[in-house]
Amino acid sequence: MSGTTVLTDAARAVVRVAHERRSADDVLGSSAAIRAIALGTLRWYLRLAPAIERLLTRPSAQMAPAVHALLVTAAHQIVYSRNAPEGVVDAAVDATRALGAPRASGFVNALLRRFVREQAGIFATIDADPAVRYAHPRWFVEALGREQRERRDDILAGGNERAPMTLRVDLSRSSVAQAQAACAARGIAAQPLAGYASALVLASPVAVDELPGFAEGIVSVQDAGAQLAATLLAPRAGMRVLDACAAPGGKTGHLLEVAGGEIDLLAVDDDADRLGRVAANLERLKRHARLARLDLRDPGALAGEAPFDRILLDAPCSATGVIRRHPDIKLLRRAADIPAFARLQRTILQNCHARLAPGGLLLYATCSVLAGENATVVDRFLADTPRARRAADPVQLWPGLRAPTDGFHYALLTKTDPT
């Protein structure tokens, strides 16, 4: 695949995310080269686009989206890759034809050559703005500044790092030491992570089909922070367990593992394709659960079920704690999404807690770092629900430059007996 083809396809992916608001997972194929360039561009888009804007004589909104995406993608290669800038410019000029905009070739050539010459001065000016310097949306930078002033810059800088590949070892079938040794035998360096009994962190990512024990379900790819959910909920053999919003099924499998015996687990999602991913994961893990396509916004969705002893509610959220894994979140999320998510979270939390047995435990979980989806949601729910209580102090895992996990919030709740 030529450099021009790779740049063209990466720009096509960028335009679909930045201008059509599609998820990167939906538009990127399996090509490692295209994925690397597209995701790198999305990671730094909010720094690169303002830099390109400084060189334009008219607003970028008046430009063909494909041409704008090409300019930003090429700028990423000039700034963040080892490719010769002249070669990137030549490939971008050729890419205009592949993108159906041959008349823009001269413009692209001239603007990118100016960018090569003037980039240092441009960045010296625009990087004074932390939202630009860290390439994060302004609303998010401002929210962190209000809520986590001391952590703000570390969280933002960490969002631009590539996340480690972390494995969860099925401790009922192996040990972390055995999994580490199996990886070493294949030349895969890995280290246990202190404080996380099942976690093994790889020195460098590898394809899952290269992982010893993956096909057999002995190891799974799961961030160490996500592994905490099953540990906190601690289901035991004989219990009835609900995994609400279960897809893709990593936590489902872990719940079945840590129970240490048979449990009646119902895994729910409102999307058939996502529920299919749960089924596929359970098949690989050699675990069994009941699956149901249900919309938990409906208070009657679980009407036919007896009360549950344990409920995991991995609530839909902004995913601002996993930006380093999904840089497209920077472009897809808006400030107005947070109160919308909060309303959805409160509704599902209320409906799930209604199906919790007295004395049971419900774990409310998000991969958000924003109080509006975490403490605020839980505090309001507790204030409005007389039988709801905290069962433990909340846990907030913060992402950052040296953070061993992504960002997660966990709130363990219980239910009192009726009076």
Protein backbone atom coordinates (compact mmCIF):
# COMPACT_ATOMS: atom_id res chain seq x y z
CA MET A 1 0.00 0.00 0.00
CA SER A 2 1.55 3.31 -1.08
CA GLY A 3 2.07 6.30 1.19
CA THR A 4 -0.50 8.26 -0.80
CA THR A 5 -3.09 5.51 -0.41
CA VAL A 6 -2.52 5.27 3.34
CA LEU A 7 -2.73 9.04 3.76
CA THR A 8 -5.88 9.18 1.63
CA ASP A 9 -7.65 6.44 3.57
CA ALA A 10 -6.61 7.94 6.89
CA ALA A 11 -8.01 11.32 5.80
CA ARG A 12 -11.27 9.62 4.78
CA ALA A 13 -11.56 8.16 8.27
CA VAL A 14 -10.77 11.52 9.87
CA VAL A 15 -13.44 13.32 7.86
CA ARG A 16 -16.05 10.77 8.90
CA VAL A 17 -15.24 11.29 12.57
CA ALA A 18 -14.59 15.05 12.58
CA HIS A 19 -17.31 16.12 10.14
CA GLU A 20 -19.84 13.26 10.18
CA ARG A 21 -19.47 12.46 13.91
CA ARG A 22 -18.96 8.75 13.36
CA SER A 23 -17.11 6.59 15.86
CA ALA A 24 -13.55 5.72 14.87
CA ASP A 25 -14.34 2.05 15.59
CA ASP A 26 -17.08 2.21 12.96
CA VAL A 27 -14.96 3.73 10.18
CA LEU A 28 -11.51 2.20 10.63
CA GLY A 29 -10.62 -1.13 9.10
CA SER A 30 -7.86 -3.53 10.04
CA SER A 31 -4.92 -1.77 8.37
CA ALA A 32 -2.44 -0.94 11.14
CA ALA A 33 -0.85 1.91 9.15
CA ILE A 34 -4.17 3.63 8.41
CA ARG A 35 -5.36 3.18 11.99
CA ALA A 36 -2.14 4.63 13.40
CA ILE A 37 -2.29 7.76 11.24
CA ALA A 38 -6.04 8.31 11.66
CA LEU A 39 -6.03 7.80 15.43
CA GLY A 40 -2.91 9.93 15.80
CA THR A 41 -4.59 12.70 13.83
CA LEU A 42 -7.72 12.48 15.97
CA ARG A 43 -5.57 12.53 19.11
CA TRP A 44 -3.97 15.83 18.07
CA TYR A 45 -6.77 17.22 15.89
CA LEU A 46 -7.66 20.03 18.30
CA ARG A 47 -4.07 21.28 18.16
CA LEU A 48 -3.46 20.71 14.45
CA ALA A 49 -6.72 22.19 13.14
CA PRO A 50 -6.10 25.58 14.82
CA ALA A 51 -2.58 25.56 13.38
CA ILE A 52 -3.92 25.01 9.87
CA GLU A 53 -6.54 27.70 10.49
CA ARG A 54 -3.78 30.27 11.01
CA LEU A 55 -2.70 29.77 7.41
CA LEU A 56 -6.11 30.07 5.81
CA THR A 57 -7.52 33.19 4.21
CA ARG A 58 -11.09 32.01 4.73
CA PRO A 59 -12.72 29.95 7.51
CA SER A 60 -12.18 26.20 7.31
CA ALA A 61 -15.96 25.73 7.46
CA GLN A 62 -16.08 27.02 3.86
CA MET A 63 -13.63 24.35 2.70
CA ALA A 64 -14.57 20.90 1.43
CA PRO A 65 -14.47 18.62 4.50
CA ALA A 66 -12.27 16.05 2.71
CA VAL A 67 -9.67 18.68 1.87
CA HIS A 68 -9.66 20.03 5.42
CA ALA A 69 -9.29 16.52 6.83
CA LEU A 70 -6.42 15.87 4.43
CA LEU A 71 -4.61 19.01 5.55
CA VAL A 72 -4.94 18.09 9.23
CA THR A 73 -3.92 14.49 8.59
CA ALA A 74 -0.87 15.60 6.61
CA ALA A 75 0.00 18.10 9.35
CA HIS A 76 -0.05 15.24 11.84
CA GLN A 77 2.45 13.33 9.71
CA ILE A 78 4.68 16.38 9.42
CA VAL A 79 4.71 17.05 13.17
CA TYR A 80 4.38 13.63 14.78
CA SER A 81 5.88 11.10 12.35
CA ARG A 82 9.40 10.38 11.19
CA ASN A 83 8.45 10.83 7.55
CA ALA A 84 10.25 13.51 5.56
CA PRO A 85 7.98 16.59 5.41
CA GLU A 86 8.57 16.96 1.67
CA GLY A 87 7.36 13.40 1.09
CA VAL A 88 4.24 14.02 3.17
CA VAL A 89 3.44 17.14 1.15
CA ASP A 90 3.88 15.25 -2.14
CA ALA A 91 1.64 12.42 -0.90
CA ALA A 92 -1.02 14.91 0.19
CA VAL A 93 -0.99 16.59 -3.23
CA ASP A 94 -1.48 13.19 -4.88
CA ALA A 95 -4.22 12.38 -2.37
CA THR A 96 -6.34 15.32 -3.55
CA ARG A 97 -7.00 13.43 -6.75
CA ALA A 98 -7.89 10.24 -4.90
CA LEU A 99 -10.30 12.26 -2.75
CA GLY A 100 -12.02 13.72 -5.81
CA ALA A 101 -10.63 17.23 -5.31
CA PRO A 102 -7.85 17.57 -7.91
CA ARG A 103 -8.41 21.32 -8.25
CA ALA A 104 -7.27 21.69 -4.61
CA SER A 105 -3.83 20.21 -5.30
CA GLY A 106 -2.08 23.57 -5.73
CA PHE A 107 -3.72 24.97 -2.62
CA VAL A 108 -2.79 21.90 -0.55
CA ASN A 109 0.78 22.01 -1.83
CA ALA A 110 1.23 25.71 -1.01
CA LEU A 111 -0.43 25.60 2.39
CA LEU A 112 1.45 22.53 3.62
CA ARG A 113 4.79 23.94 2.48
CA ARG A 114 4.02 27.08 4.49
CA PHE A 115 3.09 24.88 7.44
CA VAL A 116 6.44 23.09 7.25
CA ARG A 117 8.26 26.44 7.34
CA GLU A 118 6.11 28.23 9.92
CA GLN A 119 4.93 25.51 12.30
CA ALA A 120 7.32 26.38 15.14
CA GLY A 121 6.10 29.96 15.31
CA ILE A 122 2.47 28.95 14.97
CA PHE A 123 2.62 26.48 17.84
CA ALA A 124 4.56 28.92 20.01
CA THR A 125 1.54 31.21 19.75
CA ILE A 126 -1.45 28.86 19.91
CA ASP A 127 -0.01 26.55 22.58
CA ALA A 128 -0.48 29.32 25.14
CA ASP A 129 -4.07 28.05 25.26
CA PRO A 130 -4.13 24.79 27.29
CA ALA A 131 -7.09 23.47 25.30
CA VAL A 132 -4.94 23.73 22.16
CA ARG A 133 -1.67 22.67 23.78
CA TYR A 134 -3.22 19.47 25.13
CA ALA A 135 -5.59 19.02 22.16
CA HIS A 136 -8.71 18.50 24.29
CA PRO A 137 -12.13 20.14 23.90
CA ARG A 138 -12.37 23.45 25.73
CA TRP A 139 -15.50 22.48 27.67
CA PHE A 140 -13.67 19.45 29.08
CA VAL A 141 -10.55 21.45 29.97
CA GLU A 142 -12.72 23.99 31.78
CA ALA A 143 -14.67 21.28 33.63
CA LEU A 144 -11.46 19.66 34.85
CA GLY A 145 -10.18 23.08 35.88
CA ARG A 146 -13.24 23.57 38.08
CA GLU A 147 -13.37 20.05 39.51
CA GLN A 148 -9.77 18.82 39.55
CA ARG A 149 -7.48 21.84 39.20
CA GLU A 150 -4.38 20.08 40.53
CA ARG A 151 -4.90 17.01 38.37
CA ARG A 152 -6.03 18.83 35.24
CA ASP A 153 -2.77 19.02 33.31
CA ASP A 154 -1.76 15.45 34.20
CA ILE A 155 -5.12 14.07 33.03
CA LEU A 156 -4.94 16.07 29.80
CA ALA A 157 -1.34 15.06 29.06
CA GLY A 158 -2.19 11.45 29.86
CA GLY A 159 -5.04 11.58 27.37
CA ASN A 160 -2.47 11.98 24.60
CA GLU A 161 -0.46 8.91 25.59
CA ARG A 162 -0.98 5.49 24.10
CA ALA A 163 -2.64 3.27 26.68
CA PRO A 164 -0.89 0.08 27.80
CA MET A 165 -2.27 -3.30 26.80
CA THR A 166 -3.36 -5.01 30.01
CA LEU A 167 -4.48 -8.61 30.38
CA ARG A 168 -6.84 -10.13 32.91
CA VAL A 169 -5.80 -13.63 33.91
CA ASP A 170 -8.53 -16.14 34.81
CA LEU A 171 -7.25 -17.06 38.26
CA SER A 172 -9.53 -20.08 38.43
CA ARG A 173 -7.53 -21.67 35.61
CA SER A 174 -4.08 -20.12 35.82
CA SER A 175 -2.00 -17.57 37.73
CA VAL A 176 -0.45 -14.26 36.80
CA ALA A 177 3.01 -15.82 37.14
CA GLN A 178 2.08 -18.68 34.80
CA ALA A 179 0.58 -16.28 32.25
CA GLN A 180 3.67 -14.09 32.47
CA ALA A 181 5.91 -17.10 31.84
CA ALA A 182 3.77 -18.18 28.87
CA CYS A 183 4.08 -14.69 27.40
CA ALA A 184 7.85 -14.67 27.95
CA ALA A 185 8.15 -17.99 26.10
CA ARG A 186 6.71 -16.23 23.05
CA GLY A 187 8.95 -13.19 23.46
CA ILE A 188 6.18 -11.03 24.95
CA ALA A 189 7.41 -8.96 27.91
CA ALA A 190 4.83 -8.44 30.66
CA GLN A 191 4.73 -7.40 34.30
CA PRO A 192 2.16 -7.86 37.09
CA LEU A 193 0.49 -4.70 38.36
CA ALA A 194 0.63 -4.12 42.11
CA GLY A 195 -2.78 -3.90 43.71
CA TYR A 196 -4.58 -5.74 40.90
CA ALA A 197 -4.57 -9.48 41.48
CA SER A 198 -5.44 -10.53 37.91
CA ALA A 199 -3.60 -7.88 35.88
CA LEU A 200 -0.62 -8.39 33.60
CA VAL A 201 0.66 -5.35 31.69
CA LEU A 202 2.44 -5.87 28.36
CA ALA A 203 5.51 -3.83 27.54
CA SER A 204 4.17 -3.40 23.99
CA PRO A 205 0.78 -4.23 22.45
CA VAL A 206 0.45 -7.39 20.39
CA ALA A 207 -2.32 -8.92 18.30
CA VAL A 208 -4.67 -10.98 20.46
CA ASP A 209 -4.03 -14.10 18.38
CA GLU A 210 -0.40 -13.92 19.54
CA LEU A 211 -1.38 -14.06 23.22
CA PRO A 212 -0.90 -17.48 24.82
CA GLY A 213 -4.17 -18.58 26.36
CA PHE A 214 -6.37 -15.97 24.70
CA ALA A 215 -8.22 -18.35 22.39
CA GLU A 216 -8.79 -20.69 25.34
CA GLY A 217 -10.16 -17.90 27.53
CA ILE A 218 -7.33 -18.03 30.07
CA VAL A 219 -6.42 -14.40 29.42
CA SER A 220 -8.52 -11.46 28.25
CA VAL A 221 -7.67 -7.91 27.29
CA GLN A 222 -9.08 -5.61 29.97
CA ASP A 223 -7.80 -2.46 31.63
CA ALA A 224 -6.83 -3.03 35.25
CA GLY A 225 -9.29 -0.37 36.37
CA ALA A 226 -12.14 -2.25 34.71
CA GLN A 227 -11.02 -5.41 36.50
CA LEU A 228 -11.86 -3.76 39.80
CA ALA A 229 -15.61 -3.97 39.15
CA ALA A 230 -16.04 -7.70 39.80
CA THR A 231 -13.75 -7.51 42.82
CA LEU A 232 -15.81 -4.72 44.40
CA LEU A 233 -19.14 -6.40 43.70
CA ALA A 234 -17.86 -9.79 44.98
CA PRO A 235 -20.64 -12.16 43.85
CA ARG A 236 -20.76 -15.55 45.56
CA ALA A 237 -21.91 -18.96 44.43
CA GLY A 238 -25.68 -19.38 44.45
CA MET A 239 -26.46 -15.67 43.97
CA ARG A 240 -28.70 -14.06 41.39
CA VAL A 241 -26.65 -11.44 39.53
CA LEU A 242 -27.60 -8.79 36.96
CA ASP A 243 -25.00 -7.36 34.61
CA ALA A 244 -26.78 -4.32 33.23
CA CYS A 245 -25.36 -2.72 30.04
CA ALA A 246 -23.14 -5.80 29.77
CA ALA A 247 -21.52 -5.43 26.33
CA PRO A 248 -18.90 -6.33 25.30
CA GLY A 249 -18.89 -8.88 28.11
CA GLY A 250 -15.48 -8.61 29.75
CA LYS A 251 -16.94 -7.76 33.14
CA THR A 252 -19.62 -10.44 32.65
CA GLY A 253 -16.98 -13.12 32.36
CA HIS A 254 -15.07 -11.76 35.31
CA LEU A 255 -18.18 -11.83 37.52
CA LEU A 256 -18.71 -15.48 36.65
CA GLU A 257 -15.08 -16.21 37.47
CA VAL A 258 -14.83 -14.47 40.84
CA ALA A 259 -18.08 -16.03 42.12
CA GLY A 260 -16.16 -19.25 42.64
CA GLY A 261 -19.18 -21.38 41.74
CA GLU A 262 -22.46 -21.39 39.86
CA ILE A 263 -24.48 -18.16 39.83
CA ASP A 264 -27.62 -17.20 37.96
CA LEU A 265 -26.31 -14.29 35.92
CA LEU A 266 -28.47 -12.28 33.55
CA ALA A 267 -26.47 -10.14 31.09
CA VAL A 268 -28.50 -7.34 29.50
CA ASP A 269 -27.94 -4.93 26.64
CA ASP A 270 -30.37 -2.98 24.46
CA ASP A 271 -28.51 -3.64 21.20
CA ALA A 272 -28.58 -7.02 19.46
CA ASP A 273 -25.12 -6.67 17.88
CA ARG A 274 -23.55 -5.70 21.19
CA LEU A 275 -25.31 -8.58 22.92
CA GLY A 276 -23.79 -10.83 20.27
CA ARG A 277 -20.35 -9.66 21.40
CA VAL A 278 -21.21 -10.72 24.95
CA ALA A 279 -22.17 -14.16 23.68
CA ALA A 280 -18.93 -14.46 21.71
CA ASN A 281 -16.86 -13.40 24.71
CA LEU A 282 -18.56 -15.88 27.00
CA GLU A 283 -18.04 -18.67 24.48
CA ARG A 284 -14.29 -17.91 24.36
CA LEU A 285 -14.14 -17.73 28.17
CA LYS A 286 -16.07 -20.99 28.47
CA ARG A 287 -18.58 -19.30 30.76
CA HIS A 288 -22.37 -19.33 30.71
CA ALA A 289 -25.01 -16.69 31.42
CA ARG A 290 -28.55 -15.83 30.41
CA LEU A 291 -28.63 -13.07 27.79
CA ALA A 292 -31.51 -10.67 27.22
CA ARG A 293 -32.04 -7.70 24.96
CA LEU A 294 -33.75 -5.20 27.24
CA ASP A 295 -33.99 -1.42 27.49
CA LEU A 296 -33.39 -0.65 31.15
CA ARG A 297 -34.81 2.84 30.74
CA ASP A 298 -38.14 1.02 30.92
CA PRO A 299 -39.08 0.48 34.59
CA GLY A 300 -40.89 -2.71 33.59
CA ALA A 301 -38.01 -4.25 31.67
CA LEU A 302 -37.06 -6.60 34.52
CA ALA A 303 -40.60 -7.16 35.82
CA GLY A 304 -40.42 -10.90 35.25
CA GLU A 305 -37.22 -11.31 37.24
CA ALA A 306 -36.93 -12.07 40.95
CA PRO A 307 -34.81 -9.60 42.94
CA PHE A 308 -31.06 -9.75 42.40
CA ASP A 309 -28.41 -10.21 45.09
CA ARG A 310 -25.82 -8.33 43.04
CA ILE A 311 -26.17 -5.80 40.23
CA LEU A 312 -23.40 -4.33 38.11
CA LEU A 313 -24.54 -1.16 36.37
CA ASP A 314 -21.78 -0.13 33.98
CA ALA A 315 -23.72 2.96 32.95
CA PRO A 316 -23.59 4.66 29.54
CA CYS A 317 -21.37 7.72 29.95
CA SER A 318 -19.13 10.26 28.23
CA ALA A 319 -16.14 7.88 28.39
CA THR A 320 -13.88 10.79 29.32
CA GLY A 321 -11.78 8.42 31.42
CA VAL A 322 -10.70 6.39 28.38
CA ILE A 323 -9.71 9.17 25.96
CA ARG A 324 -6.20 7.76 25.63
CA ARG A 325 -7.74 4.60 24.14
CA HIS A 326 -10.42 6.37 22.10
CA PRO A 327 -9.16 9.80 20.95
CA ASP A 328 -12.25 10.31 18.81
CA ILE A 329 -14.09 11.04 22.08
CA LYS A 330 -12.44 14.48 21.98
CA LEU A 331 -14.38 15.33 18.84
CA LEU A 332 -17.58 13.41 19.46
CA ARG A 333 -18.50 14.62 22.94
CA ARG A 334 -20.12 17.99 23.70
CA ALA A 335 -20.72 19.79 26.99
CA ALA A 336 -24.47 19.29 26.52
CA ASP A 337 -23.93 15.52 26.51
CA ILE A 338 -23.10 15.45 30.22
CA PRO A 339 -26.51 16.44 31.62
CA ALA A 340 -28.13 14.18 29.01
CA PHE A 341 -26.00 11.25 30.18
CA ALA A 342 -26.79 12.12 33.81
CA ARG A 343 -30.54 11.91 33.18
CA LEU A 344 -30.09 8.53 31.49
CA GLN A 345 -27.84 7.29 34.29
CA ARG A 346 -30.32 8.28 37.00
CA THR A 347 -33.15 6.55 35.18
CA ILE A 348 -31.28 3.26 34.74
CA LEU A 349 -29.90 3.42 38.28
CA GLN A 350 -33.39 3.90 39.70
CA ASN A 351 -34.81 1.00 37.66
CA CYS A 352 -31.96 -1.36 38.55
CA HIS A 353 -32.00 -0.51 42.25
CA ALA A 354 -35.74 -1.26 42.28
CA ARG A 355 -34.84 -4.86 41.35
CA LEU A 356 -32.14 -5.22 44.04
CA ALA A 357 -32.89 -7.55 46.93
CA PRO A 358 -32.79 -6.02 50.42
CA GLY A 359 -29.23 -6.27 51.71
CA GLY A 360 -27.92 -6.82 48.18
CA LEU A 361 -25.23 -4.76 46.49
CA LEU A 362 -25.38 -2.59 43.38
CA LEU A 363 -22.18 -1.24 41.85
CA TYR A 364 -22.69 1.95 39.84
CA ALA A 365 -19.75 2.30 37.45
CA THR A 366 -18.69 4.74 34.76
CA CYS A 367 -15.53 5.34 32.75
CA SER A 368 -15.97 9.08 33.26
CA VAL A 369 -13.88 11.52 35.29
CA LEU A 370 -16.63 14.15 35.55
CA ALA A 371 -18.56 14.71 38.76
CA GLY A 372 -21.74 15.37 36.77
CA GLU A 373 -21.89 11.68 35.85
CA ASN A 374 -20.47 10.30 39.06
CA ALA A 375 -20.87 11.83 42.51
CA THR A 376 -23.69 14.16 41.42
CA VAL A 377 -25.74 11.31 39.95
CA VAL A 378 -25.26 9.06 42.96
CA ASP A 379 -25.84 11.79 45.54
CA ARG A 380 -29.08 12.87 43.88
CA PHE A 381 -30.24 9.25 43.62
CA LEU A 382 -29.53 8.65 47.32
CA ALA A 383 -31.39 11.83 48.25
CA ASP A 384 -34.43 10.74 46.23
CA THR A 385 -34.45 7.04 47.23
CA PRO A 386 -35.20 6.40 50.92
CA ARG A 387 -34.09 2.73 50.88
CA ALA A 388 -30.80 3.36 49.08
CA ARG A 389 -27.58 3.61 51.07
CA ARG A 390 -23.86 3.66 50.37
CA ALA A 391 -22.22 0.33 51.19
CA ALA A 392 -18.67 1.68 50.93
CA ASP A 393 -16.77 4.84 50.08
CA PRO A 394 -16.73 5.63 46.35
CA VAL A 395 -13.64 4.79 44.30
CA GLN A 396 -12.31 7.16 41.63
CA LEU A 397 -9.44 6.05 39.42
CA TRP A 398 -7.77 8.93 37.63
CA PRO A 399 -6.04 8.62 34.26
CA GLY A 400 -2.78 10.49 33.73
CA LEU A 401 0.78 10.33 32.49
CA ARG A 402 1.85 7.71 35.03
CA ALA A 403 -1.55 6.24 35.81
CA PRO A 404 -1.67 2.41 35.73
CA THR A 405 -5.36 2.44 34.74
CA ASP A 406 -7.92 4.34 32.74
CA GLY A 407 -10.35 6.63 34.55
CA PHE A 408 -13.22 4.88 36.36
CA HIS A 409 -15.74 5.75 39.06
CA TYR A 410 -17.29 3.11 41.31
CA ALA A 411 -20.06 3.62 43.86
CA LEU A 412 -21.21 0.58 45.85
CA LEU A 413 -24.81 0.89 47.03
CA THR A 414 -27.17 -1.30 49.02
CA LYS A 415 -30.87 -1.49 49.83
CA THR A 416 -32.46 -1.45 53.28
CA ASP A 417 -35.35 -3.64 54.38
CA PRO A 418 -38.81 -2.10 53.98
CA THR A 419 -40.13 -0.45 57.12
